[in-house]
Protein backbone atom coordinates (compact mmCIF):
# COMPACT_ATOMS: atom_id res chain seq x y z
CA MET A 1 -7.00 31.53 -10.90
CA THR A 2 -3.31 30.68 -11.32
CA LEU A 3 -1.39 30.17 -14.53
CA ASP A 4 0.18 26.88 -13.36
CA ARG A 5 -1.91 24.65 -15.57
CA PHE A 6 -1.04 26.70 -18.65
CA ILE A 7 2.70 26.55 -18.06
CA LYS A 8 4.68 23.43 -18.91
CA VAL A 9 7.10 23.07 -16.01
CA ARG A 10 10.53 21.73 -16.86
CA TYR A 11 12.06 19.67 -14.07
CA ARG A 12 15.71 18.83 -13.62
CA ALA A 13 16.66 15.16 -13.83
CA ASP A 14 19.81 13.05 -13.77
CA GLU A 15 19.14 11.36 -17.08
CA GLU A 16 21.80 8.69 -16.69
CA LYS A 17 20.48 7.64 -13.29
CA VAL A 18 16.92 7.60 -14.61
CA ARG A 19 18.03 5.41 -17.54
CA ILE A 20 19.67 2.90 -15.18
CA LEU A 21 16.62 2.96 -12.91
CA MET A 22 14.33 2.11 -15.80
CA GLU A 23 16.65 -0.65 -17.04
CA ILE A 24 16.70 -2.32 -13.62
CA LEU A 25 12.94 -2.03 -13.10
CA SER A 26 12.22 -3.33 -16.62
CA GLU A 27 14.45 -6.33 -15.92
CA LEU A 28 12.70 -7.04 -12.62
CA GLY A 29 9.13 -6.61 -13.86
CA ILE A 30 5.82 -7.33 -12.14
CA ASP A 31 6.90 -10.89 -11.31
CA CYS A 32 9.60 -9.58 -8.99
CA ALA A 33 7.15 -7.17 -7.38
CA ARG A 34 4.72 -10.01 -6.76
CA THR A 35 7.45 -12.16 -5.20
CA ILE A 36 8.41 -9.34 -2.84
CA GLU A 37 4.77 -8.70 -1.93
CA GLU A 38 3.92 -12.33 -1.23
CA ARG A 39 7.20 -13.84 -0.02
CA VAL A 40 9.11 -10.91 1.49
CA ASP A 41 6.60 -8.39 2.88
CA LEU A 42 5.92 -9.22 6.53
CA GLN A 43 2.58 -7.40 6.23
CA PHE A 44 1.38 -10.04 3.74
CA ASP A 45 2.22 -12.71 6.34
CA ALA A 46 0.21 -10.79 8.93
CA LEU A 47 -2.82 -10.77 6.61
CA LYS A 48 -2.53 -14.49 5.92
CA ASN A 49 -2.51 -15.08 9.66
CA LEU A 50 -5.65 -12.98 10.18
CA HIS A 51 -7.46 -14.63 7.26
CA ALA A 52 -6.73 -18.11 8.59
CA ASN A 53 -7.96 -17.22 12.06
CA LEU A 54 -11.08 -15.24 11.11
CA GLY A 55 -12.61 -17.70 8.65
CA ASP A 56 -14.74 -14.85 7.23
CA ASP A 57 -13.62 -13.40 3.89
CA GLU A 58 -15.94 -10.40 3.96
CA LEU A 59 -14.97 -9.28 7.46
CA PHE A 60 -11.31 -9.96 6.69
CA ILE A 61 -11.25 -7.66 3.66
CA LYS A 62 -13.22 -4.91 5.40
CA LEU A 63 -10.83 -4.98 8.35
CA VAL A 64 -7.84 -4.70 6.02
CA ILE A 65 -9.36 -1.63 4.34
CA ALA A 66 -10.20 -0.09 7.71
CA ASN A 67 -6.74 -0.75 9.09
CA SER A 68 -5.11 0.82 6.06
CA ILE A 69 -6.83 4.17 6.54
CA VAL A 70 -5.57 4.47 10.12
CA SER A 71 -2.02 3.35 9.26
CA TYR A 72 -0.28 6.68 9.76
CA GLN A 73 1.64 8.42 12.56
CA LEU A 74 2.64 5.00 13.86
CA THR A 75 4.72 4.48 16.99
CA ALA A 76 6.65 1.55 15.47
CA LYS A 77 7.54 0.07 12.09
CA GLY A 78 4.59 -0.74 9.84
CA GLU A 79 5.35 -4.46 9.94
CA ARG A 80 4.96 -4.51 13.71
CA TRP A 81 1.70 -2.56 13.51
CA TRP A 82 0.18 -4.94 10.96
CA TRP A 83 1.14 -7.94 13.06
CA GLU A 84 -0.41 -6.34 16.14
CA PHE A 85 -3.58 -5.71 14.10
CA SER A 86 -3.56 -9.32 12.88
CA GLU A 87 -3.13 -10.82 16.31
CA HIS A 88 -5.67 -8.53 17.98
CA PHE A 89 -8.51 -9.15 15.53
CA SER A 90 -7.70 -12.85 15.28
CA GLU A 91 -8.56 -13.02 18.96
CA ASN A 92 -11.19 -10.24 19.04
CA PRO A 93 -13.18 -10.19 15.77
CA PRO A 94 -15.64 -7.28 15.75
CA ALA A 95 -19.18 -8.42 16.48
CA GLY A 96 -20.65 -5.14 15.23
CA SER A 97 -19.19 -1.74 14.40
CA ILE A 98 -15.61 -1.74 13.13
CA ALA A 99 -15.19 1.87 14.29
CA GLU A 100 -16.25 0.92 17.81
CA ALA A 101 -13.84 -2.02 17.76
CA TYR A 102 -11.00 0.36 16.91
CA ALA A 103 -12.13 2.82 19.59
CA ASP A 104 -11.33 0.02 22.06
CA PHE A 105 -8.22 -1.25 20.27
CA LEU A 106 -6.20 1.87 19.41
CA PRO A 107 -5.88 3.46 22.88
CA ASN A 108 -4.19 0.27 24.08
CA SER A 109 -2.12 -0.34 20.95
CA ARG A 110 1.63 -0.66 21.30
CA THR A 111 2.34 0.52 17.75
CA ASN A 112 -0.47 2.94 16.75
CA ARG A 113 -1.61 5.06 19.67
CA ARG A 114 -1.23 8.60 18.27
CA LEU A 115 -4.19 10.71 17.11
CA VAL A 116 -6.67 8.04 18.18
CA ALA A 117 -9.75 10.29 18.13
CA GLY A 118 -9.08 11.43 14.57
CA LYS A 119 -8.47 7.87 13.38
CA VAL A 120 -11.72 6.64 14.91
CA ARG A 121 -13.59 9.53 13.24
CA ARG A 122 -12.15 8.46 9.89
CA LEU A 123 -13.50 4.97 10.45
CA GLU A 124 -16.90 6.34 11.46
CA ARG A 125 -17.05 8.29 8.18
CA LEU A 126 -16.07 5.22 6.17
CA GLU A 127 -18.19 2.65 7.98
CA PRO A 128 -21.47 3.28 6.06
CA PHE A 129 -19.64 2.46 2.82
CA LEU A 130 -18.03 -0.67 4.29
CA ASP A 131 -21.38 -1.79 5.74
CA SER A 132 -22.95 -1.50 2.30
CA LEU A 133 -20.52 -3.96 0.72
CA SER A 134 -21.19 -7.66 0.27
CA LEU A 135 -18.49 -10.22 -0.49
CA ARG A 136 -19.68 -10.16 -4.11
CA ASP A 137 -19.09 -6.38 -4.19
CA LEU A 138 -15.61 -6.82 -2.78
CA ARG A 139 -14.87 -9.52 -5.36
CA ASP A 140 -16.01 -7.18 -8.14
CA TYR A 141 -13.77 -4.40 -6.85
CA TYR A 142 -10.83 -6.81 -6.78
CA PHE A 143 -11.23 -8.29 -10.23
CA ASN A 144 -12.68 -5.32 -12.11
CA GLY A 145 -12.68 -2.13 -10.10
CA MET A 146 -9.74 -1.20 -7.88
CA GLU A 147 -9.89 2.31 -9.33
CA CYS A 148 -13.57 2.50 -8.41
CA LEU A 149 -12.75 1.40 -4.88
CA ARG A 150 -10.13 4.15 -4.67
CA ASP A 151 -12.72 6.69 -5.78
CA GLU A 152 -15.29 5.49 -3.23
CA LEU A 153 -12.74 5.59 -0.41
CA SER A 154 -11.72 9.08 -1.48
CA LYS A 155 -15.33 10.25 -1.52
CA GLY A 156 -16.18 8.62 1.81
CA LEU A 157 -13.22 10.20 3.59
CA GLY A 158 -13.25 13.53 1.78
CA SER A 159 -9.64 12.98 0.69
CA LYS A 160 -7.83 13.35 -2.62
CA ARG A 161 -7.73 10.20 -4.73
CA SER A 162 -3.93 10.34 -4.59
CA ALA A 163 -3.80 10.71 -0.79
CA LYS A 164 -1.26 8.35 0.77
CA THR A 165 -3.71 6.43 2.93
CA ILE A 166 -6.19 6.07 0.03
CA VAL A 167 -3.72 4.48 -2.39
CA PHE A 168 -2.17 2.45 0.43
CA ALA A 169 -5.64 1.11 1.27
CA VAL A 170 -6.00 -0.06 -2.33
CA LYS A 171 -2.61 -1.75 -2.14
CA MET A 172 -3.52 -3.64 1.03
CA PHE A 173 -6.96 -4.43 -0.42
CA GLY A 174 -5.07 -6.05 -3.29
CA TYR A 175 -3.15 -8.19 -0.82
CA ALA A 176 -6.38 -9.17 0.92
CA GLY A 177 -8.08 -9.98 -2.39
CA ARG A 178 -5.23 -12.26 -3.42
CA ILE A 179 -5.50 -14.13 -0.14
CA ALA A 180 -9.30 -14.35 -0.03
CA PHE A 181 -9.97 -15.05 -3.72
CA GLY A 182 -6.85 -17.07 -4.53
CA LYS A 183 -5.84 -15.21 -7.69
CA PHE A 184 -3.28 -12.51 -8.46
CA VAL A 185 -4.66 -9.37 -10.13
CA PRO A 186 -2.09 -6.66 -10.99
CA TYR A 187 -2.74 -3.17 -9.67
CA PRO A 188 -4.12 -0.68 -12.19
CA MET A 189 -1.63 1.64 -13.85
CA ALA A 190 -3.82 4.63 -12.91
CA ILE A 191 -3.35 4.26 -9.13
CA GLU A 192 -0.44 6.36 -7.87
CA ILE A 193 2.50 5.40 -5.71
CA PRO A 194 2.06 6.28 -2.01
CA ASP A 195 3.71 9.70 -1.62
CA ASP A 196 5.53 9.20 1.68
CA VAL A 197 8.81 10.33 3.22
CA ARG A 198 10.92 7.46 1.88
CA ILE A 199 9.62 7.83 -1.69
CA ASN A 200 10.13 11.60 -1.53
CA ALA A 201 13.74 11.19 -0.43
CA TYR A 202 14.47 8.51 -3.05
CA THR A 203 12.88 10.53 -5.86
CA LYS A 204 15.23 13.44 -5.13
CA ARG A 205 18.15 11.23 -6.19
CA PHE A 206 16.79 11.40 -9.74
CA THR A 207 14.79 14.61 -10.17
CA ASN A 208 13.12 17.59 -8.54
CA GLU A 209 9.83 16.55 -10.14
CA PRO A 210 6.98 15.72 -7.71
CA PRO A 211 7.22 12.01 -6.83
CA VAL A 212 3.75 10.98 -8.02
CA SER A 213 4.17 12.38 -11.53
CA PHE A 214 7.77 11.09 -11.80
CA TRP A 215 6.84 7.52 -10.85
CA ASN A 216 3.78 7.62 -13.10
CA LYS A 217 6.15 8.26 -16.02
CA ILE A 218 8.51 5.50 -14.89
CA ALA A 219 5.52 3.16 -14.66
CA GLU A 220 4.46 3.96 -18.24
CA GLU A 221 8.00 3.44 -19.55
CA THR A 222 8.59 0.14 -17.74
CA GLY A 223 5.05 -1.28 -17.86
CA ILE A 224 5.05 -1.77 -14.08
CA PRO A 225 2.11 -0.15 -12.22
CA PRO A 226 3.18 2.39 -9.57
CA LEU A 227 1.94 0.30 -6.62
CA HIS A 228 4.11 -2.60 -7.80
CA ILE A 229 7.09 -0.24 -8.22
CA ASP A 230 6.50 0.76 -4.60
CA SER A 231 6.82 -2.91 -3.63
CA ILE A 232 10.16 -3.29 -5.44
CA LEU A 233 11.58 -0.14 -3.84
CA TRP A 234 10.31 -0.85 -0.34
CA PRO A 235 12.92 -3.48 0.77
CA VAL A 236 15.92 -1.37 -0.22
CA LEU A 237 14.54 1.84 1.28
CA GLY A 238 13.50 0.30 4.59
CA GLY A 239 16.81 -1.40 5.41
CA ASN A 240 15.18 -4.07 7.60
CA LYS A 241 17.69 -6.93 7.97
CA GLU A 242 15.03 -9.65 7.96
CA VAL A 243 13.42 -8.15 4.87
CA LEU A 244 16.76 -8.02 3.05
CA ARG A 245 17.45 -11.63 4.05
CA ARG A 246 14.10 -12.65 2.59
CA VAL A 247 14.81 -10.73 -0.61
CA ARG A 248 18.01 -12.75 -1.07
CA GLU A 249 16.21 -15.97 -0.25
CA HIS A 250 13.13 -15.58 -2.43
CA CYS A 251 14.00 -13.23 -5.32
CA PRO A 252 16.03 -14.80 -8.15
CA LYS A 253 17.07 -11.29 -9.25
CA TRP A 254 17.85 -10.06 -5.74
CA GLU A 255 21.13 -8.45 -6.83
CA ASP A 256 19.24 -6.17 -9.21
CA VAL A 257 16.81 -5.26 -6.41
CA LEU A 258 19.68 -4.26 -4.15
CA LYS A 259 21.31 -2.21 -6.93
CA LEU A 260 18.41 0.20 -6.60
CA ALA A 261 19.74 1.28 -3.19
CA SER A 262 23.00 2.54 -4.70
CA LEU A 263 21.47 4.77 -7.37
């Protein structure tokens, strides 16, 4: 047993920078996050394309969840991977096992061909849970139980609830739910920000506190759930020219979004 949980760790922070960060995020709010998610994020466009072509809400949502848990160690930008996924399954919808469909798809992928065997095994572990879900179940998870979905994904994969691919899967499930069910539901405050390289690097500008706990506190102070904060930060951390153009085009407060890059 360690003493860590009995010791209150004091982290260093640049209090002035943190204050400015919270002011900007509070000004932007969930509405800005939603605009970026739906009008700026190229991954959202890829999902709309797949949904339109599949014509099957249940399969669409299950594919989005499945794709999320193999979205790591990519060989290209995430936007390119999600468009490849969208185009492939628009033309080749799985007739049976999703895991078997990926066993055929991933070895020939242009943007996600690393660690294929491990990714297919993850899908095989998750498939019994996905198979058990009806469209009604998926609707219930979207409107009333995104935290429960996170917990079931965590249990099915034997991963921590805060694992990057688990919380990312919930984020993309939220996108899919919006598209399939036609209504925006904010992400729960209890679901953490994806702890990836870009968030780690950005967090170090403000504090040496672990990113997940730092952004949980920022979320509580600003009233913006961590997954929506992730959406606001994503355009300025990625530096994609098309994404930045779309931010300027679609976000009324785009100047405040871009200020986040200079903190």
